[in-house]
N, C-alpha and C. Protein backbone atom coordinates (compact mmCIF):
# COMPACT_ATOMS: atom_id res chain seq x y z
N UNK A 1 1.19 -1.12 -0.08
CA UNK A 1 0.08 0.15 -0.09
C UNK A 1 0.98 1.17 -0.32
N UNK A 2 1.77 1.42 0.55
CA UNK A 2 2.74 2.35 0.91
C UNK A 2 3.49 2.53 -0.55
N UNK A 3 4.21 1.20 -0.87
CA UNK A 3 4.38 1.90 -2.03
C UNK A 3 3.76 2.35 -3.21
N UNK A 4 2.65 1.74 -3.55
CA UNK A 4 1.56 2.07 -4.34
C UNK A 4 1.27 3.88 -4.01
N UNK A 5 1.54 4.26 -2.84
CA UNK A 5 0.83 5.70 -2.52
C UNK A 5 2.43 6.33 -2.99
N UNK A 6 3.40 5.68 -2.41
CA UNK A 6 4.78 6.22 -3.10
C UNK A 6 4.84 6.42 -4.71
N UNK A 7 4.80 5.53 -5.45
CA UNK A 7 4.79 5.32 -6.69
C UNK A 7 3.73 6.50 -7.44
N UNK A 8 2.41 6.65 -6.45
CA UNK A 8 1.35 7.87 -7.15
C UNK A 8 2.15 9.36 -6.91
N UNK A 9 3.14 9.15 -5.78
CA UNK A 9 2.89 10.57 -5.23
C UNK A 9 4.46 11.31 -6.20
N UNK A 10 5.10 10.18 -7.12
CA UNK A 10 5.94 10.26 -7.56
C UNK A 10 5.21 10.47 -8.95
N UNK A 11 4.25 10.33 -9.57
CA UNK A 11 3.77 10.47 -10.62
C UNK A 11 2.86 11.85 -10.47
N UNK A 12 2.81 12.17 -9.11
CA UNK A 12 2.49 13.99 -9.25
C UNK A 12 3.45 14.48 -9.34
N UNK A 13 4.42 14.50 -8.45
CA UNK A 13 5.61 15.38 -8.29
C UNK A 13 5.97 15.63 -9.66
N UNK A 14 6.06 14.30 -11.11
CA UNK A 14 6.62 14.36 -12.40
C UNK A 14 5.44 15.72 -13.29
N UNK A 15 4.10 15.29 -13.12
CA UNK A 15 3.30 15.89 -13.58
C UNK A 15 3.21 17.31 -13.44
N UNK A 16 3.49 17.63 -12.14
CA UNK A 16 3.35 19.19 -11.91
C UNK A 16 4.21 20.41 -12.78
N UNK A 17 5.82 19.84 -13.03
CA UNK A 17 6.30 20.81 -14.15
C UNK A 17 5.80 20.89 -15.26
N UNK A 18 5.20 19.47 -15.83
CA UNK A 18 4.37 19.26 -17.42
C UNK A 18 3.20 20.53 -16.73
N UNK A 19 2.46 20.50 -15.83
CA UNK A 19 1.25 20.69 -15.99
C UNK A 19 1.65 22.80 -15.85
N UNK A 20 2.34 23.15 -15.03
CA UNK A 20 3.20 24.31 -15.18
C UNK A 20 3.68 25.16 -16.23
N UNK A 21 4.06 23.96 -16.94
CA UNK A 21 4.82 24.41 -18.47
C UNK A 21 3.64 24.86 -19.63
N UNK A 22 2.50 23.62 -19.30
CA UNK A 22 1.60 23.92 -20.19
C UNK A 22 0.75 25.30 -20.03
N UNK A 23 0.70 25.45 -18.72
CA UNK A 23 -0.23 26.75 -18.15
C UNK A 23 0.63 28.30 -18.57
N UNK A 24 1.98 28.01 -18.57
CA UNK A 24 2.84 29.02 -18.81
C UNK A 24 2.91 29.27 -20.30
N UNK A 25 2.75 28.36 -21.38
CA UNK A 25 2.58 28.21 -22.55
C UNK A 25 1.56 29.03 -23.21
N UNK A 26 0.18 28.70 -22.77
CA UNK A 26 -0.92 28.91 -22.85
C UNK A 26 -1.30 30.09 -22.46
N UNK A 27 -0.62 30.97 -21.47
CA UNK A 27 -0.66 32.67 -20.48
C UNK A 27 -0.06 33.13 -21.93
N UNK A 28 1.05 32.53 -22.16
CA UNK A 28 1.89 33.53 -22.87
C UNK A 28 0.90 33.52 -24.47
N UNK A 29 0.53 32.64 -24.93
CA UNK A 29 -0.31 32.68 -26.20
C UNK A 29 -1.10 33.84 -26.19
N UNK A 30 -1.92 33.69 -25.03
CA UNK A 30 -3.04 34.73 -24.59
C UNK A 30 -2.23 35.84 -24.63
N UNK A 31 -1.25 36.52 -24.13
CA UNK A 31 -0.76 37.52 -23.80
C UNK A 31 -0.02 37.96 -25.16
N UNK A 32 0.12 37.14 -25.77
CA UNK A 32 0.98 37.38 -27.11
C UNK A 32 -0.59 37.85 -28.41
N UNK A 33 -1.76 37.64 -28.01
CA UNK A 33 -2.66 37.52 -28.82
C UNK A 33 -3.32 39.10 -28.33
N UNK A 34 -3.62 39.34 -27.17
CA UNK A 34 -3.76 40.57 -26.52
C UNK A 34 -3.09 41.36 -26.97
N UNK A 35 -1.72 41.58 -26.98
CA UNK A 35 -1.10 42.21 -26.87
C UNK A 35 -0.26 42.66 -28.51
N UNK A 36 -0.89 41.69 -29.49
CA UNK A 36 -0.16 41.82 -31.03
C UNK A 36 -0.65 43.14 -31.34
N UNK A 37 0.48 43.55 -32.41
CA UNK A 37 0.76 44.51 -32.79
C UNK A 37 -0.67 45.39 -33.44
N UNK A 38 -1.39 44.60 -34.09
CA UNK A 38 -3.05 45.16 -34.80
C UNK A 38 -3.81 45.45 -33.83
N UNK A 39 -3.63 44.86 -32.39
CA UNK A 39 -4.67 44.71 -31.01
C UNK A 39 -4.11 46.51 -30.41
N UNK A 40 -2.94 46.24 -30.44
CA UNK A 40 -2.48 47.36 -30.16
C UNK A 40 -2.30 48.87 -30.73
N UNK A 41 -3.07 48.65 -31.60
CA UNK A 41 -2.78 49.62 -32.51
C UNK A 41 -4.11 50.35 -32.55
N UNK A 42 -4.99 49.71 -32.18
CA UNK A 42 -6.25 50.15 -31.84
C UNK A 42 -6.84 51.48 -31.01
N UNK A 43 -6.15 51.01 -29.85
CA UNK A 43 -6.15 52.05 -28.85
C UNK A 43 -5.01 53.31 -29.08
N UNK A 44 -4.06 53.09 -29.75
CA UNK A 44 -2.71 53.69 -29.71
C UNK A 44 -3.23 54.96 -30.52
N UNK A 45 -3.82 54.27 -32.37
CA UNK A 45 -4.65 55.40 -32.80
C UNK A 45 -5.36 56.25 -32.19
N UNK A 46 -6.33 55.83 -31.62
CA UNK A 46 -7.26 56.40 -31.12
C UNK A 46 -6.73 57.43 -29.98
N UNK A 47 -6.09 57.05 -29.48
CA UNK A 47 -5.72 58.19 -28.25
C UNK A 47 -4.58 58.89 -28.92
N UNK A 48 -3.96 58.63 -29.67
CA UNK A 48 -3.26 59.68 -30.80
C UNK A 48 -3.99 60.91 -31.20
N UNK A 49 -4.95 60.24 -31.89
CA UNK A 49 -6.01 61.23 -32.68
C UNK A 49 -6.63 61.97 -31.68
N UNK A 50 -6.99 61.45 -30.71
CA UNK A 50 -7.94 62.39 -29.75
C UNK A 50 -6.99 63.65 -28.52
N UNK A 51 -5.71 63.13 -28.97
CA UNK A 51 -4.87 64.17 -28.31
C UNK A 51 -5.57 65.57 -28.35
N UNK A 52 -5.27 66.42 -27.23
CA UNK A 52 -5.92 67.92 -27.63
C UNK A 52 -6.77 68.11 -28.70
N UNK A 53 -7.28 67.34 -29.24
CA UNK A 53 -8.36 67.63 -30.48
C UNK A 53 -9.71 68.41 -29.98
N UNK A 54 -9.80 69.62 -31.07
CA UNK A 54 -11.08 70.39 -30.69
C UNK A 54 -12.15 69.66 -31.33
N UNK A 55 -12.14 68.89 -32.29
CA UNK A 55 -13.32 68.35 -32.76
C UNK A 55 -13.22 66.41 -32.79
N UNK A 56 -13.88 66.23 -31.99
CA UNK A 56 -14.08 64.61 -31.69
C UNK A 56 -13.85 63.33 -32.95
N UNK A 57 -15.26 64.38 -33.36
CA UNK A 57 -15.70 63.50 -34.69
C UNK A 57 -14.95 63.43 -36.04
N UNK A 58 -13.96 64.51 -36.09
CA UNK A 58 -12.80 64.73 -36.79
C UNK A 58 -11.42 64.05 -36.86
N UNK A 59 -11.06 63.90 -35.79
CA UNK A 59 -10.34 63.06 -35.19
C UNK A 59 -10.55 61.58 -35.46
N UNK A 60 -11.48 61.40 -35.29
CA UNK A 60 -11.95 59.88 -35.04
C UNK A 60 -12.15 59.39 -36.71
N UNK A 61 -12.56 60.63 -37.48
CA UNK A 61 -12.19 60.34 -38.98
C UNK A 61 -10.86 59.95 -39.70
N UNK A 62 -10.10 60.99 -39.00
CA UNK A 62 -8.85 60.43 -39.71
C UNK A 62 -8.00 59.54 -39.04
N UNK A 63 -8.75 59.02 -37.19
CA UNK A 63 -7.61 57.99 -37.01
C UNK A 63 -8.45 56.55 -37.81
N UNK A 64 -9.34 56.33 -38.33
CA UNK A 64 -9.63 55.47 -39.07
C UNK A 64 -8.99 55.30 -40.48
N UNK A 65 -8.90 56.28 -41.19
CA UNK A 65 -7.73 56.46 -41.99
C UNK A 65 -6.35 55.77 -41.80
N UNK A 66 -5.90 56.53 -40.38
CA UNK A 66 -4.33 55.71 -40.28
C UNK A 66 -4.66 54.52 -39.86
N UNK A 67 -5.30 53.94 -39.44
CA UNK A 67 -5.45 52.48 -39.03
C UNK A 67 -5.64 51.78 -40.35
N UNK A 68 -6.45 52.29 -41.24
CA UNK A 68 -6.55 51.13 -42.19
C UNK A 68 -5.02 50.86 -42.89
N UNK A 69 -4.22 52.37 -43.23
CA UNK A 69 -2.84 52.35 -43.47
C UNK A 69 -2.00 52.11 -42.65
N UNK A 70 -2.19 51.78 -41.47
CA UNK A 70 -0.70 51.32 -40.24
C UNK A 70 -1.04 50.09 -40.09
N UNK A 71 -2.80 49.28 -40.04
CA UNK A 71 -2.39 47.83 -39.40
C UNK A 71 -2.96 47.49 -40.26
N UNK A 72 -4.49 47.59 -40.63
CA UNK A 72 -5.75 46.97 -41.39
C UNK A 72 -5.32 46.55 -42.66
N UNK A 73 -4.86 47.40 -43.77
CA UNK A 73 -4.60 47.06 -44.89
C UNK A 73 -3.28 46.01 -44.98
N UNK A 74 -2.32 46.01 -43.58
CA UNK A 74 -1.09 45.00 -44.19
C UNK A 74 -1.45 43.75 -43.30
N UNK A 75 -2.38 43.87 -42.36
CA UNK A 75 -2.94 42.70 -41.55
C UNK A 75 -4.11 41.95 -43.09
N UNK A 76 -4.60 42.58 -43.57
CA UNK A 76 -5.14 41.83 -44.86
C UNK A 76 -4.57 41.16 -45.46
N UNK A 77 -3.38 41.89 -46.11
CA UNK A 77 -2.39 41.32 -47.21
C UNK A 77 -1.66 40.17 -46.47
N UNK A 78 -1.06 40.07 -44.96
CA UNK A 78 -0.62 38.58 -44.40
C UNK A 78 -1.80 37.77 -44.12
N UNK A 79 -2.92 37.80 -43.88
CA UNK A 79 -3.73 37.05 -44.17
C UNK A 79 -4.07 36.43 -45.14
N UNK A 80 -4.23 37.02 -46.32
CA UNK A 80 -4.56 36.53 -48.04
C UNK A 80 -3.02 35.87 -48.42
N UNK A 81 -1.97 36.22 -47.38
CA UNK A 81 -0.76 35.63 -47.84
C UNK A 81 -1.04 34.05 -46.78
N UNK A 82 -1.36 34.28 -45.75
CA UNK A 82 -1.47 33.02 -44.80
C UNK A 82 -2.08 31.94 -45.65
N UNK A 83 -3.35 32.48 -46.06
CA UNK A 83 -4.81 31.97 -46.51
C UNK A 83 -4.16 30.71 -47.93
N UNK A 84 -3.12 31.54 -48.86
CA UNK A 84 -2.56 31.46 -50.06
C UNK A 84 -1.67 30.10 -49.91
N UNK A 85 -0.94 30.10 -48.56
CA UNK A 85 0.25 29.39 -48.51
C UNK A 85 1.35 29.78 -48.70
N UNK A 86 1.13 30.99 -48.98
CA UNK A 86 2.65 32.02 -48.98
C UNK A 86 3.35 32.25 -47.83
N UNK A 87 2.68 32.41 -46.82
CA UNK A 87 3.34 32.70 -45.34
C UNK A 87 2.81 31.61 -44.38
N UNK A 88 3.28 31.25 -43.80
CA UNK A 88 2.98 30.23 -42.55
C UNK A 88 2.53 30.84 -41.44
N UNK A 89 2.28 31.90 -40.64
CA UNK A 89 1.49 32.25 -39.89
C UNK A 89 1.28 33.81 -39.90
N UNK A 90 0.23 34.24 -39.08
CA UNK A 90 0.08 35.89 -39.04
C UNK A 90 1.63 36.45 -38.49
N UNK A 91 2.23 35.85 -37.62
CA UNK A 91 3.34 36.48 -36.70
C UNK A 91 4.45 36.28 -37.82
N UNK A 92 4.30 35.58 -38.96
CA UNK A 92 5.61 35.61 -39.67
C UNK A 92 7.11 35.07 -39.13
N UNK A 93 6.41 34.09 -38.34
CA UNK A 93 7.67 33.37 -37.69
C UNK A 93 8.53 33.18 -38.50
N UNK A 94 8.76 32.70 -39.85
CA UNK A 94 10.05 32.69 -40.34
C UNK A 94 10.37 33.96 -40.81
N UNK A 95 11.75 33.82 -40.43
CA UNK A 95 12.48 35.36 -40.83
C UNK A 95 12.79 35.87 -42.39
N UNK A 96 12.59 34.48 -43.28
CA UNK A 96 12.45 34.84 -44.88
C UNK A 96 11.56 35.55 -45.15
N UNK A 97 10.31 34.78 -44.75
CA UNK A 97 8.99 35.58 -44.98
C UNK A 97 8.67 36.85 -44.65
N UNK A 98 9.56 37.53 -44.46
CA UNK A 98 9.15 38.77 -43.76
C UNK A 98 9.62 40.22 -44.32
N UNK A 99 10.12 39.82 -45.31
CA UNK A 99 10.67 40.76 -46.37
C UNK A 99 9.05 41.72 -46.93
N UNK A 100 8.42 41.12 -47.67
CA UNK A 100 7.28 41.17 -48.49
C UNK A 100 6.14 41.65 -47.69
N UNK A 101 6.24 41.32 -46.63
CA UNK A 101 5.00 42.25 -45.81
C UNK A 101 5.41 43.46 -44.99
N UNK A 102 6.71 43.38 -44.84
CA UNK A 102 7.44 44.82 -44.16
C UNK A 102 7.58 45.94 -45.36
N UNK A 103 7.56 45.73 -46.43
CA UNK A 103 7.53 46.34 -47.86
C UNK A 103 6.35 46.73 -48.17
N UNK A 104 5.27 45.82 -47.81
CA UNK A 104 4.00 46.72 -48.31
C UNK A 104 3.11 47.37 -47.23
N UNK A 105 4.01 47.02 -45.57
CA UNK A 105 3.77 48.15 -44.54
C UNK A 105 4.16 49.38 -44.78
N UNK A 106 5.56 49.00 -44.99
CA UNK A 106 6.27 50.57 -45.81
C UNK A 106 5.55 51.57 -46.79
N UNK A 107 5.51 50.88 -47.55
CA UNK A 107 4.43 51.43 -49.00
C UNK A 107 3.20 52.20 -48.15
N UNK A 108 2.34 50.98 -47.25
CA UNK A 108 0.64 51.72 -47.07
C UNK A 108 0.90 52.40 -45.64
N UNK A 109 1.87 52.67 -44.87
CA UNK A 109 1.93 53.90 -43.95
C UNK A 109 2.35 55.17 -44.88
N UNK A 110 3.23 55.11 -45.88
CA UNK A 110 4.06 56.17 -46.51
C UNK A 110 2.54 57.01 -47.65
N UNK A 111 1.91 55.82 -48.09
CA UNK A 111 0.81 56.41 -48.80
C UNK A 111 -0.67 57.19 -47.68
N UNK A 112 -0.55 56.52 -46.68
CA UNK A 112 -1.59 57.07 -45.66
C UNK A 112 -0.41 58.34 -45.02
N UNK A 113 0.70 58.56 -44.58
CA UNK A 113 1.21 59.44 -44.07
C UNK A 113 1.20 60.76 -45.38
N UNK A 114 0.99 60.54 -46.61
CA UNK A 114 0.78 61.62 -47.94
C UNK A 114 -0.66 61.90 -47.22
N UNK A 115 -1.48 61.47 -47.62
CA UNK A 115 -2.98 61.78 -47.55
C UNK A 115 -3.16 62.55 -46.08
N UNK A 116 -2.82 62.15 -45.05
CA UNK A 116 -2.59 63.05 -43.97
C UNK A 116 -2.45 64.46 -44.68
N UNK A 117 -0.85 64.28 -44.86
CA UNK A 117 -0.36 65.31 -45.19
C UNK A 117 -1.31 66.67 -46.28
N UNK A 118 -1.73 65.95 -47.22
CA UNK A 118 -2.02 66.61 -48.29
C UNK A 118 -3.77 67.20 -47.50
N UNK A 119 -3.98 66.49 -46.58
CA UNK A 119 -5.30 66.75 -46.13
C UNK A 119 -5.80 67.67 -44.77
N UNK A 120 -3.87 68.01 -44.71
CA UNK A 120 -3.83 68.87 -43.20
C UNK A 120 -4.62 68.05 -42.18
N UNK A 121 -4.42 66.74 -41.87
CA UNK A 121 -4.57 66.04 -41.28
C UNK A 121 -4.07 66.25 -39.85
N UNK A 122 -4.38 65.88 -38.33
CA UNK A 122 -3.42 66.18 -36.94
C UNK A 122 -2.17 65.74 -37.27
N UNK A 123 -1.24 66.43 -36.77
CA UNK A 123 0.18 66.43 -36.72
C UNK A 123 0.82 65.13 -36.22
N UNK A 124 -0.14 65.06 -34.82
CA UNK A 124 0.55 63.66 -33.79
C UNK A 124 -0.01 62.27 -34.93
N UNK A 125 -1.08 62.50 -35.68
CA UNK A 125 -0.92 60.94 -36.54
C UNK A 125 -0.46 61.53 -37.91
N UNK A 126 0.17 62.25 -38.49
CA UNK A 126 1.45 61.98 -39.06
C UNK A 126 2.19 61.63 -38.67
N UNK A 127 2.69 61.99 -37.63
CA UNK A 127 4.32 61.34 -36.70
C UNK A 127 3.73 60.21 -36.88
N UNK A 128 2.89 59.88 -36.13
CA UNK A 128 2.79 58.23 -35.80
C UNK A 128 3.19 57.64 -37.12
N UNK A 129 2.31 57.80 -38.06
CA UNK A 129 2.95 57.24 -39.19
C UNK A 129 4.16 57.23 -40.08
N UNK A 130 4.87 58.49 -39.65
CA UNK A 130 6.22 58.59 -39.89
C UNK A 130 7.19 57.82 -39.33
N UNK A 131 6.90 57.57 -38.12
CA UNK A 131 7.61 56.84 -37.03
C UNK A 131 7.67 55.21 -37.14
N UNK A 132 6.19 54.85 -37.58
CA UNK A 132 6.21 53.34 -38.11
C UNK A 132 6.51 53.31 -39.79
N UNK A 133 6.97 53.97 -40.53
CA UNK A 133 7.29 53.88 -41.64
C UNK A 133 8.74 53.96 -41.67
N UNK A 134 9.71 54.47 -40.64
CA UNK A 134 10.99 54.58 -40.69
C UNK A 134 11.35 53.39 -39.81
N UNK A 135 10.38 52.66 -38.42
CA UNK A 135 10.55 51.55 -38.15
C UNK A 135 10.48 50.12 -39.05
N UNK A 136 9.40 50.70 -40.05
CA UNK A 136 9.26 49.48 -40.98
C UNK A 136 10.77 49.25 -41.78
N UNK A 137 11.26 50.29 -42.03
CA UNK A 137 12.28 50.31 -42.71
C UNK A 137 13.55 49.73 -42.02
N UNK A 138 13.75 50.24 -41.31
CA UNK A 138 14.70 49.57 -39.90
C UNK A 138 14.59 48.16 -39.88
N UNK A 139 13.61 47.36 -39.55
CA UNK A 139 13.20 46.58 -39.20
C UNK A 139 13.35 45.44 -40.63
N UNK A 140 13.26 46.07 -41.71
CA UNK A 140 12.85 45.34 -42.85
C UNK A 140 14.30 44.92 -43.08
N UNK A 141 15.10 45.65 -43.26
CA UNK A 141 16.64 45.70 -43.09
C UNK A 141 17.17 45.05 -42.61
N UNK A 142 16.93 45.11 -41.12
CA UNK A 142 17.43 44.15 -40.18
C UNK A 142 17.16 42.22 -40.06
N UNK A 143 15.68 42.41 -40.88
CA UNK A 143 15.42 41.05 -40.78
C UNK A 143 15.94 40.45 -41.93
N UNK A 144 16.88 40.78 -42.53
CA UNK A 144 17.69 40.31 -43.79
C UNK A 144 18.67 39.22 -43.09
N UNK A 145 18.63 39.59 -41.84
CA UNK A 145 20.02 38.73 -41.09
C UNK A 145 19.56 38.23 -39.70
N UNK A 146 18.37 39.17 -39.20
CA UNK A 146 18.04 38.79 -37.67
C UNK A 146 16.67 39.35 -37.48
N UNK A 147 16.00 38.13 -36.65
CA UNK A 147 14.66 38.48 -36.34
C UNK A 147 14.04 39.24 -35.23
N UNK A 148 14.05 40.86 -35.40
CA UNK A 148 13.64 41.48 -34.49
C UNK A 148 12.21 41.19 -33.92
N UNK A 149 11.97 41.40 -32.52
CA UNK A 149 10.43 40.89 -32.43
C UNK A 149 9.37 41.80 -32.30
N UNK A 150 8.42 41.79 -33.46
CA UNK A 150 7.37 42.68 -34.02
C UNK A 150 6.40 43.03 -32.86
N UNK A 151 6.05 42.14 -32.07
CA UNK A 151 4.98 42.24 -30.73
C UNK A 151 5.62 43.61 -29.62
N UNK A 152 7.16 43.25 -29.53
CA UNK A 152 8.02 44.08 -28.63
C UNK A 152 8.19 45.21 -29.04
N UNK A 153 8.48 45.60 -30.52
CA UNK A 153 8.48 46.65 -30.83
C UNK A 153 7.48 47.68 -30.69
N UNK A 154 6.45 47.07 -31.45
CA UNK A 154 5.36 48.03 -31.72
C UNK A 154 4.32 48.07 -30.19
N UNK A 155 4.67 47.84 -29.48
CA UNK A 155 3.74 47.84 -28.01
C UNK A 155 4.97 48.62 -27.00
N UNK A 156 6.78 48.80 -27.51
CA UNK A 156 7.55 49.62 -26.70
C UNK A 156 6.91 50.67 -27.65
N UNK A 157 6.95 50.81 -28.70
CA UNK A 157 6.83 52.40 -29.64
C UNK A 157 5.52 52.97 -29.00
N UNK A 158 4.34 51.96 -28.94
CA UNK A 158 3.08 52.92 -28.56
C UNK A 158 2.99 53.25 -27.07
N UNK A 159 3.75 52.54 -26.44
CA UNK A 159 4.03 53.29 -24.78
C UNK A 159 4.28 54.50 -24.96
N UNK A 160 5.76 54.62 -25.61
CA UNK A 160 6.61 55.57 -25.53
C UNK A 160 6.08 57.18 -26.32
N UNK A 161 5.18 56.33 -27.15
CA UNK A 161 4.17 57.37 -28.28
C UNK A 161 3.21 58.35 -27.10
N UNK A 162 2.82 57.27 -26.69
CA UNK A 162 1.57 57.76 -25.51
C UNK A 162 1.98 58.61 -24.30
N UNK A 163 3.31 58.01 -23.85
CA UNK A 163 3.68 58.48 -22.82
C UNK A 163 4.15 60.22 -23.03
N UNK A 164 4.69 59.90 -24.38
CA UNK A 164 5.29 61.32 -24.82
C UNK A 164 4.32 62.21 -25.22
N UNK A 165 2.59 62.03 -25.28
CA UNK A 165 1.91 62.82 -25.44
C UNK A 165 1.15 63.25 -23.93
N UNK A 166 0.68 62.16 -23.24
CA UNK A 166 -0.04 62.12 -22.12
C UNK A 166 1.11 61.79 -20.65
N UNK A 167 1.98 62.25 -20.81
CA UNK A 167 2.32 62.32 -19.94
C UNK A 167 3.42 61.06 -19.01
N UNK A 168 3.80 61.08 -17.56
CA UNK A 168 4.37 60.00 -16.58
C UNK A 168 2.67 58.81 -16.49
N UNK A 169 1.66 59.34 -16.24
CA UNK A 169 0.49 58.43 -16.18
C UNK A 169 0.77 57.15 -17.06
N UNK A 170 1.35 57.53 -18.16
CA UNK A 170 1.46 55.82 -18.95
C UNK A 170 2.44 55.33 -18.77
N UNK A 171 3.49 55.68 -17.88
CA UNK A 171 4.66 55.23 -17.66
C UNK A 171 4.21 53.50 -17.47
N UNK A 172 3.45 53.28 -16.34
CA UNK A 172 3.13 51.90 -15.88
C UNK A 172 3.23 50.92 -16.99
N UNK A 173 2.81 51.40 -18.20
CA UNK A 173 2.00 50.37 -19.13
C UNK A 173 3.48 49.57 -19.68
N UNK A 174 4.54 50.33 -19.60
CA UNK A 174 5.88 49.69 -19.57
C UNK A 174 6.00 47.99 -19.53
N UNK A 175 5.27 47.93 -18.50
CA UNK A 175 4.99 46.73 -17.65
C UNK A 175 4.76 45.65 -18.34
N UNK A 176 3.56 45.73 -19.49
CA UNK A 176 3.12 45.33 -20.70
C UNK A 176 4.11 44.68 -21.73
N UNK A 177 5.08 45.99 -21.89
CA UNK A 177 6.12 45.58 -22.53
C UNK A 177 6.84 44.32 -22.72
N UNK A 178 7.38 44.67 -20.88
CA UNK A 178 7.89 43.30 -20.37
C UNK A 178 7.32 42.06 -20.75
N UNK A 179 5.92 41.76 -20.41
CA UNK A 179 5.12 40.87 -20.62
C UNK A 179 4.96 40.33 -21.42
N UNK A 180 4.95 40.95 -22.59
CA UNK A 180 4.72 40.51 -24.10
C UNK A 180 6.44 39.97 -24.57
N UNK A 181 7.22 40.58 -24.18
CA UNK A 181 8.75 40.40 -24.18
C UNK A 181 8.91 38.84 -23.70
N UNK A 182 8.36 38.45 -22.66
CA UNK A 182 8.35 37.36 -21.74
C UNK A 182 7.76 36.30 -22.56
N UNK A 183 6.74 36.85 -23.00
CA UNK A 183 5.83 35.84 -23.74
C UNK A 183 6.11 35.46 -25.35
N UNK A 184 6.83 36.31 -25.84
CA UNK A 184 7.75 35.70 -27.20
C UNK A 184 9.01 34.87 -27.04
N UNK A 185 9.53 35.08 -25.63
CA UNK A 185 10.37 34.28 -25.43
C UNK A 185 10.15 32.88 -24.97
N UNK A 186 9.49 32.76 -24.25
CA UNK A 186 8.60 31.31 -23.73
C UNK A 186 7.97 30.64 -24.66
N UNK A 187 7.27 31.17 -25.79
CA UNK A 187 6.96 30.73 -27.11
C UNK A 187 8.14 30.09 -28.29
N UNK A 188 9.25 30.63 -28.01
CA UNK A 188 10.13 30.23 -28.43
C UNK A 188 10.11 30.90 -30.06
N UNK A 189 9.61 32.67 -29.67
CA UNK A 189 9.31 33.00 -31.62
C UNK A 189 10.56 33.96 -31.43
N UNK A 190 11.14 34.00 -30.39
CA UNK A 190 12.54 35.37 -30.29
C UNK A 190 13.26 34.93 -29.12
N UNK A 191 14.56 35.29 -29.42
CA UNK A 191 15.52 35.34 -27.95
C UNK A 191 15.61 36.81 -27.38
N UNK A 192 15.79 36.49 -26.17
CA UNK A 192 15.73 37.72 -25.20
C UNK A 192 16.58 38.60 -25.92
N UNK A 193 17.79 38.74 -26.30
CA UNK A 193 17.94 39.83 -27.13
C UNK A 193 16.87 40.23 -28.07
N UNK A 194 16.53 39.79 -29.11
CA UNK A 194 15.89 40.11 -30.06
C UNK A 194 14.29 40.93 -29.39
N UNK A 195 14.13 40.62 -28.46
CA UNK A 195 12.93 41.48 -28.02
C UNK A 195 13.41 42.50 -27.46
N UNK A 196 14.60 42.54 -26.35
CA UNK A 196 15.23 43.80 -26.03
C UNK A 196 15.42 44.68 -26.93
N UNK A 197 16.57 44.30 -27.67
CA UNK A 197 16.87 45.42 -29.24
C UNK A 197 15.73 45.79 -29.82
N UNK A 198 14.31 45.15 -30.01
CA UNK A 198 13.52 45.62 -30.56
C UNK A 198 12.88 46.79 -29.47
N UNK A 199 12.36 46.36 -28.58
CA UNK A 199 12.27 47.41 -27.92
C UNK A 199 12.65 48.98 -27.53
N UNK A 200 13.91 48.55 -27.37
CA UNK A 200 14.67 49.65 -27.16
C UNK A 200 14.66 50.26 -28.35
N UNK A 201 15.20 49.87 -29.12
CA UNK A 201 14.85 50.71 -30.82
C UNK A 201 13.76 51.72 -30.75
N UNK A 202 12.63 50.85 -30.62
CA UNK A 202 11.14 51.47 -30.66
C UNK A 202 10.79 52.72 -29.39
N UNK A 203 11.89 52.43 -28.67
CA UNK A 203 11.36 53.42 -27.51
C UNK A 203 12.71 54.72 -27.69
N UNK A 204 13.57 54.31 -28.27
CA UNK A 204 14.52 55.27 -28.63
C UNK A 204 13.60 56.13 -30.16
N UNK A 205 13.20 55.69 -31.35
CA UNK A 205 12.84 56.05 -32.15
C UNK A 205 11.86 57.46 -32.26
N UNK A 206 10.50 57.06 -31.55
CA UNK A 206 9.69 58.13 -31.08
C UNK A 206 10.13 59.29 -30.60
N UNK A 207 10.72 59.30 -29.24
CA UNK A 207 11.46 60.34 -28.77
C UNK A 207 11.87 61.33 -29.77
N UNK A 208 13.34 60.57 -30.62
CA UNK A 208 14.17 61.19 -31.40
C UNK A 208 13.18 61.86 -32.30
N UNK A 209 11.85 61.17 -32.83
CA UNK A 209 11.24 61.93 -34.03
C UNK A 209 9.97 63.03 -33.56
N UNK A 210 9.59 63.08 -32.15
CA UNK A 210 8.73 64.20 -31.51
C UNK A 210 10.02 64.93 -31.12
N UNK A 211 11.38 65.18 -30.80
CA UNK A 211 11.96 66.12 -31.08
C UNK A 211 12.53 67.16 -32.10
N UNK A 212 12.55 66.31 -33.49
CA UNK A 212 13.08 66.78 -34.32
C UNK A 212 11.69 67.57 -34.96
N UNK A 213 10.42 66.78 -34.32
CA UNK A 213 9.16 67.61 -35.00
C UNK A 213 8.71 68.78 -34.36
N UNK A 214 9.57 68.69 -33.22
CA UNK A 214 9.11 69.96 -32.37
C UNK A 214 7.52 69.72 -31.41
N UNK A 215 7.74 68.32 -30.98
CA UNK A 215 6.22 68.08 -30.51
C UNK A 215 6.59 67.63 -28.81
């Protein structure tokens, strides 16, 4: 009886690490989905559009235009690629599959920037599209030999932009950058170096761009 109890206890001890690992992976997947670039872009663009806006309806109209060229258009392009078998998944896990979507995204944000510029749209949204375009070029070049985390980069950039506009009240959101970085490493989509470099680059870029544009 005691031997059977000991055997059962050993089996339970062996199962605990497996259960813990399974929970960790499942939680990481949820975090990665909730804090994906497309999901983050919605509150980011709306908050940027509404910053010091005197016409809410007008600001939201420009926000919709920005969202289309910033994230919805490029995501539709990727989804079509996944459906046709051109891309493995929406995260573009294979580095060799990233050049095309990056190029499409750069063209898309550039078109959006030109539209807002000629339409005299909010300077904040123009700056957001400019930052995204520059970031896209940097990541496209880097991805030729290294796979920087888009999740970590996008969220770090978003939090930095909102902090630049709304102040220190946004600072606690940097915890989410750490969380999404952890999730990408746990899911083995990136190394620690790849999420750290992606985050730091996307923190520095908005700060420099806002300073140059006098914002």
